[in-house]
Amino acid sequence: MLKNLIINELIKVIHKKRTYISFFLITVLIPFIVLAVKNGGGSLENKLYGQLADSFIFVGSLVNGNLSAYIIIAILISHMPFLSTIVASEIVSGEYSKGTFRMYLTRPISRNMVLLSKLIIVMTYTTLMMLYFVMYTLLVSRLIIGNGDLVVFHEGLLVLDASDTFWRFGLSFWLSNILMLTVTSLCFMISTFSKNSVTPIIVTISIVFIGTAVAFIPIEFFELLNPYLFTGYIDLFLTAFHDPIPKHLFIQELIVCGIWSFIFITTSFYYFNRCDILE
């Protein structure tokens, strides 16, 4: 039964144009940014060298595909929550607005199964989108600029060997995807409350914006609160490029985001099982 419901939801998602918006934007935007990084490599290199250029002689260039991918992901990661809401915002609320639930939920299938199939689809969509974002960015960057050692700022300049970067990008995907799944769960929950697909996007992005602002406000109360908010881990993927790897932060993110996701999903099922489909 669940398998058939998932296939049914997958068919509906595939035939909606909005499903491909995020993949289209990523596909078109990334090459332009990579070319901009390549053309502006001189000024970027000067900023990386800083005062070290007066004391050391550098052979070769620090600007390569790995650095380009690292910079692009760091800049665009704050915009990914918006793209992760595109499907989640409409998958339940769209059924409300079209009135299809009046027929759909009168069939001999449980509401839990219907909602679970929708949840599986939006979680899968978010994961595939984030995987495409990270790996496509890395692939395009390496093809256009080339491979090389990655220089990042961690207690000064940290140089990572080119052979030591691919698994770190994979780890960065995993860390960022955990957060995006929580954002998707939030949007999914709001979608079960709303009768239109715009409200979940607006509310979700507003919450993410406020939570992100809290993370950067240097006030003691906010600094104590931030570790317990899922938005406090939006830039945690950067630690995948640190040495040593802060594994305790990864576990902390998994616990915090897992708790918030559980709250959002549980609330979704609780409300959906009690809502009046005739309204």
Protein backbone atom coordinates (compact mmCIF):
# COMPACT_ATOMS: atom_id res chain seq x y z
CA MET A 1 0.00 0.00 0.00
CA LEU A 2 2.73 2.47 0.98
CA LYS A 3 4.72 1.65 -2.15
CA ASN A 4 1.73 2.49 -4.37
CA LEU A 5 1.12 5.73 -2.50
CA ILE A 6 4.77 6.76 -2.91
CA ILE A 7 4.64 6.00 -6.65
CA ASN A 8 1.43 8.03 -6.89
CA GLU A 9 3.02 11.02 -5.13
CA LEU A 10 6.17 10.68 -7.22
CA ILE A 11 4.15 10.84 -10.45
CA LYS A 12 2.38 13.98 -9.25
CA VAL A 13 5.66 15.66 -8.28
CA ILE A 14 7.38 14.73 -11.55
CA HIS A 15 4.60 16.30 -13.61
CA LYS A 16 4.79 19.66 -11.80
CA LYS A 17 7.05 22.33 -13.29
CA ARG A 18 7.91 23.81 -9.89
CA THR A 19 9.72 20.57 -9.02
CA TYR A 20 12.52 21.46 -11.44
CA ILE A 21 12.98 25.09 -10.44
CA SER A 22 15.75 24.44 -7.92
CA PHE A 23 17.69 22.09 -10.23
CA PHE A 24 17.35 24.55 -13.11
CA LEU A 25 18.60 27.49 -11.02
CA ILE A 26 21.57 25.50 -9.72
CA THR A 27 22.45 24.21 -13.21
CA VAL A 28 22.40 27.68 -14.78
CA LEU A 29 23.85 29.76 -11.94
CA ILE A 30 26.87 27.70 -10.87
CA PRO A 31 28.88 27.90 -14.14
CA PHE A 32 28.52 31.70 -14.21
CA ILE A 33 29.82 32.01 -10.64
CA VAL A 34 32.70 29.63 -11.37
CA LEU A 35 33.72 31.69 -14.40
CA ALA A 36 33.56 34.83 -12.24
CA VAL A 37 35.84 33.20 -9.67
CA LYS A 38 38.25 32.16 -12.43
CA ASN A 39 38.38 35.65 -13.96
CA GLY A 40 38.73 37.31 -10.57
CA GLY A 41 41.36 34.88 -9.39
CA GLY A 42 44.09 37.51 -9.12
CA SER A 43 42.33 39.69 -6.56
CA LEU A 44 41.13 36.61 -4.67
CA GLU A 45 44.67 35.28 -4.53
CA ASN A 46 45.98 38.56 -3.12
CA LYS A 47 43.41 38.39 -0.33
CA LEU A 48 44.42 34.83 0.49
CA TYR A 49 48.12 35.63 0.54
CA GLY A 50 47.71 38.84 2.50
CA GLN A 51 50.91 39.86 4.27
CA LEU A 52 52.42 36.41 3.68
CA ALA A 53 53.38 37.50 0.16
CA ASP A 54 56.05 39.74 1.69
CA SER A 55 57.67 36.85 3.55
CA PHE A 56 57.20 33.82 1.31
CA ILE A 57 57.54 32.90 -2.34
CA PHE A 58 54.47 31.08 -3.69
CA VAL A 59 54.70 28.74 -6.66
CA GLY A 60 51.52 28.13 -8.63
CA SER A 61 48.04 29.43 -7.88
CA LEU A 62 45.78 28.83 -4.90
CA VAL A 63 42.70 29.52 -7.00
CA ASN A 64 41.43 26.18 -8.27
CA GLY A 65 38.23 24.18 -8.56
CA ASN A 66 38.24 23.07 -4.93
CA LEU A 67 38.53 26.64 -3.66
CA SER A 68 35.86 27.78 -6.10
CA ALA A 69 33.43 25.06 -4.95
CA TYR A 70 34.17 25.85 -1.30
CA ILE A 71 33.44 29.56 -1.77
CA ILE A 72 30.29 29.01 -3.85
CA ILE A 73 28.81 26.52 -1.37
CA ALA A 74 29.63 28.84 1.53
CA ILE A 75 27.87 31.75 -0.18
CA LEU A 76 24.81 29.94 -1.53
CA ILE A 77 24.12 27.61 1.41
CA SER A 78 22.07 30.31 3.15
CA HIS A 79 19.73 30.40 0.13
CA MET A 80 19.15 26.65 -0.04
CA PRO A 81 16.36 26.65 2.60
CA PHE A 82 14.20 28.54 0.10
CA LEU A 83 14.78 25.93 -2.61
CA SER A 84 14.08 23.11 -0.15
CA THR A 85 10.57 24.48 0.48
CA ILE A 86 9.41 24.44 -3.15
CA VAL A 87 7.94 20.92 -3.08
CA ALA A 88 7.24 20.66 0.66
CA SER A 89 5.11 23.83 0.67
CA GLU A 90 2.67 22.52 -1.92
CA ILE A 91 2.51 18.78 -1.50
CA VAL A 92 -0.17 18.91 1.22
CA SER A 93 -1.61 22.42 0.97
CA GLY A 94 -2.09 21.94 -2.78
CA GLU A 95 -4.40 19.01 -2.09
CA TYR A 96 -6.39 21.20 0.31
CA SER A 97 -6.78 24.05 -2.18
CA LYS A 98 -7.78 21.76 -5.06
CA GLY A 99 -10.24 19.84 -2.90
CA THR A 100 -8.76 16.49 -3.89
CA PHE A 101 -8.57 15.34 -0.26
CA ARG A 102 -12.38 15.18 -0.18
CA MET A 103 -12.19 12.23 -2.55
CA TYR A 104 -8.70 10.98 -1.74
CA LEU A 105 -9.19 10.47 2.02
CA THR A 106 -12.56 8.75 1.67
CA ARG A 107 -10.81 5.69 0.26
CA PRO A 108 -9.88 2.76 2.54
CA ILE A 109 -6.35 4.01 3.22
CA SER A 110 -5.15 5.56 6.46
CA ARG A 111 -4.28 9.23 6.65
CA ASN A 112 -0.96 8.26 8.21
CA MET A 113 0.01 6.32 5.09
CA VAL A 114 -1.02 9.18 2.81
CA LEU A 115 1.00 11.72 4.78
CA LEU A 116 3.97 9.37 5.17
CA SER A 117 4.18 8.88 1.40
CA LYS A 118 4.24 12.66 0.92
CA LEU A 119 6.90 13.04 3.62
CA ILE A 120 9.14 10.44 1.99
CA ILE A 121 8.88 12.27 -1.34
CA VAL A 122 9.81 15.70 0.07
CA MET A 123 12.70 14.26 2.11
CA THR A 124 14.02 12.46 -0.97
CA TYR A 125 13.65 15.60 -3.07
CA THR A 126 15.61 17.71 -0.58
CA THR A 127 18.39 15.12 -0.30
CA LEU A 128 18.75 14.80 -4.08
CA MET A 129 18.74 18.58 -4.49
CA MET A 130 21.49 19.07 -1.90
CA LEU A 131 23.57 16.23 -3.35
CA TYR A 132 23.22 17.76 -6.82
CA PHE A 133 24.12 21.21 -5.51
CA VAL A 134 27.34 20.14 -3.79
CA MET A 135 28.58 17.61 -6.36
CA TYR A 136 27.59 19.65 -9.41
CA THR A 137 29.37 22.69 -7.98
CA LEU A 138 32.49 20.63 -7.32
CA LEU A 139 32.38 19.01 -10.77
CA VAL A 140 31.88 22.24 -12.71
CA SER A 141 34.53 24.05 -10.67
CA ARG A 142 37.12 21.35 -11.29
CA LEU A 143 36.29 21.12 -14.99
CA ILE A 144 36.59 24.88 -15.55
CA ILE A 145 39.43 25.82 -13.17
CA GLY A 146 41.09 22.50 -12.43
CA ASN A 147 41.98 20.49 -9.34
CA GLY A 148 44.45 21.53 -6.65
CA ASP A 149 45.13 21.99 -2.96
CA LEU A 150 42.40 23.72 -0.98
CA VAL A 151 43.26 26.68 1.25
CA VAL A 152 40.77 27.53 4.02
CA PHE A 153 40.82 29.73 7.10
CA HIS A 154 40.99 27.66 10.29
CA GLU A 155 43.24 29.01 13.01
CA GLY A 156 45.16 30.72 10.24
CA LEU A 157 45.65 29.39 6.73
CA LEU A 158 45.05 25.64 6.47
CA VAL A 159 46.20 23.90 3.27
CA LEU A 160 44.39 20.65 2.44
CA ASP A 161 45.90 18.30 -0.12
CA ALA A 162 43.86 17.84 -3.30
CA SER A 163 43.49 14.11 -2.56
CA ASP A 164 42.00 14.99 0.84
CA THR A 165 39.16 17.18 -0.40
CA PHE A 166 36.55 14.99 -2.11
CA TRP A 167 35.45 13.16 1.04
CA ARG A 168 35.31 16.50 2.85
CA PHE A 169 32.85 17.82 0.26
CA GLY A 170 30.85 14.63 0.81
CA LEU A 171 30.87 15.30 4.54
CA SER A 172 29.80 18.91 3.95
CA PHE A 173 26.83 17.60 1.95
CA TRP A 174 25.85 15.30 4.80
CA LEU A 175 26.08 18.09 7.39
CA SER A 176 24.14 20.62 5.31
CA ASN A 177 21.53 18.05 4.32
CA ILE A 178 20.69 17.30 7.95
CA LEU A 179 19.79 20.96 8.42
CA MET A 180 17.85 21.17 5.14
CA LEU A 181 15.79 18.12 6.08
CA THR A 182 14.81 19.92 9.27
CA VAL A 183 13.82 23.00 7.27
CA THR A 184 11.82 20.74 4.95
CA SER A 185 10.10 19.15 7.96
CA LEU A 186 9.14 22.62 9.21
CA CYS A 187 7.72 23.62 5.84
CA PHE A 188 5.93 20.29 5.56
CA MET A 189 4.29 20.85 8.95
CA ILE A 190 3.10 24.31 7.97
CA SER A 191 1.82 22.90 4.70
CA THR A 192 -0.52 20.59 6.64
CA PHE A 193 -1.98 23.68 8.38
CA SER A 194 -2.28 25.90 5.32
CA LYS A 195 -4.79 25.94 2.47
CA ASN A 196 -2.35 27.62 0.03
CA SER A 197 1.22 26.88 -0.96
CA VAL A 198 2.63 30.39 -0.46
CA THR A 199 2.14 30.65 3.31
CA PRO A 200 4.42 27.68 4.18
CA ILE A 201 7.28 29.20 2.16
CA ILE A 202 6.90 32.65 3.74
CA VAL A 203 6.62 31.33 7.30
CA THR A 204 9.50 28.87 6.90
CA ILE A 205 11.90 31.40 5.39
CA SER A 206 10.92 33.95 8.05
CA ILE A 207 11.73 31.48 10.83
CA VAL A 208 15.05 30.56 9.20
CA PHE A 209 15.89 34.25 8.76
CA ILE A 210 15.15 35.06 12.41
CA GLY A 211 17.06 32.01 13.64
CA THR A 212 20.05 32.87 11.46
CA ALA A 213 20.00 36.46 12.74
CA VAL A 214 20.04 35.15 16.32
CA ALA A 215 23.15 33.11 15.48
CA PHE A 216 25.08 36.26 14.46
CA ILE A 217 23.91 38.67 17.19
CA PRO A 218 26.70 38.87 19.82
CA ILE A 219 24.42 38.86 22.86
CA GLU A 220 25.04 36.40 25.69
CA PHE A 221 21.43 35.16 25.84
CA PHE A 222 21.38 34.43 22.10
CA GLU A 223 24.77 32.71 22.32
CA LEU A 224 23.35 30.38 24.97
CA LEU A 225 20.17 29.79 22.96
CA ASN A 226 21.79 29.26 19.56
CA PRO A 227 23.09 25.65 20.10
CA TYR A 228 19.49 24.52 20.71
CA LEU A 229 18.14 26.06 17.48
CA PHE A 230 18.49 24.13 14.23
CA THR A 231 19.32 27.38 12.42
CA GLY A 232 22.50 27.63 14.48
CA TYR A 233 24.05 24.90 12.33
CA ILE A 234 23.55 26.46 8.92
CA ASP A 235 27.28 27.04 8.46
CA LEU A 236 28.44 23.88 10.24
CA PHE A 237 29.41 22.34 6.88
CA LEU A 238 32.52 24.58 6.97
CA THR A 239 33.90 22.44 9.80
CA ALA A 240 34.16 19.54 7.35
CA PHE A 241 37.27 21.36 6.09
CA HIS A 242 38.86 21.81 9.52
CA ASP A 243 41.69 19.80 10.94
CA PRO A 244 41.02 18.07 13.26
CA ILE A 245 37.37 17.36 12.45
CA PRO A 246 35.07 18.50 15.34
CA LYS A 247 33.04 15.29 15.56
CA HIS A 248 31.24 16.43 18.72
CA LEU A 249 29.59 19.24 16.75
CA PHE A 250 28.35 16.74 14.17
CA ILE A 251 26.70 14.66 16.90
CA GLN A 252 25.27 17.82 18.44
CA GLU A 253 23.75 18.88 15.12
CA LEU A 254 22.29 15.41 14.56
CA ILE A 255 20.63 15.44 17.99
CA VAL A 256 19.28 19.02 17.82
CA CYS A 257 18.04 18.79 14.22
CA GLY A 258 16.67 15.30 14.89
CA ILE A 259 14.62 16.56 17.85
CA TRP A 260 13.24 19.53 15.91
CA SER A 261 12.43 17.34 12.90
CA PHE A 262 10.64 14.86 15.17
CA ILE A 263 8.56 17.68 16.68
CA PHE A 264 7.63 19.08 13.26
CA ILE A 265 6.76 15.68 11.76
CA THR A 266 4.82 14.50 14.81
CA THR A 267 2.81 17.73 14.82
CA SER A 268 2.08 17.25 11.11
CA PHE A 269 0.65 13.76 11.63
CA TYR A 270 -1.30 14.82 14.72
CA TYR A 271 -3.02 17.70 12.93
CA PHE A 272 -3.55 15.87 9.64
CA ASN A 273 -5.36 13.01 11.35
CA ARG A 274 -7.75 15.43 13.03
CA CYS A 275 -8.35 18.05 10.35
CA ASP A 276 -11.77 18.35 8.69
CA ILE A 277 -11.40 17.66 4.96
CA LEU A 278 -14.88 19.05 4.29
CA GLU A 279 -13.93 22.60 5.31
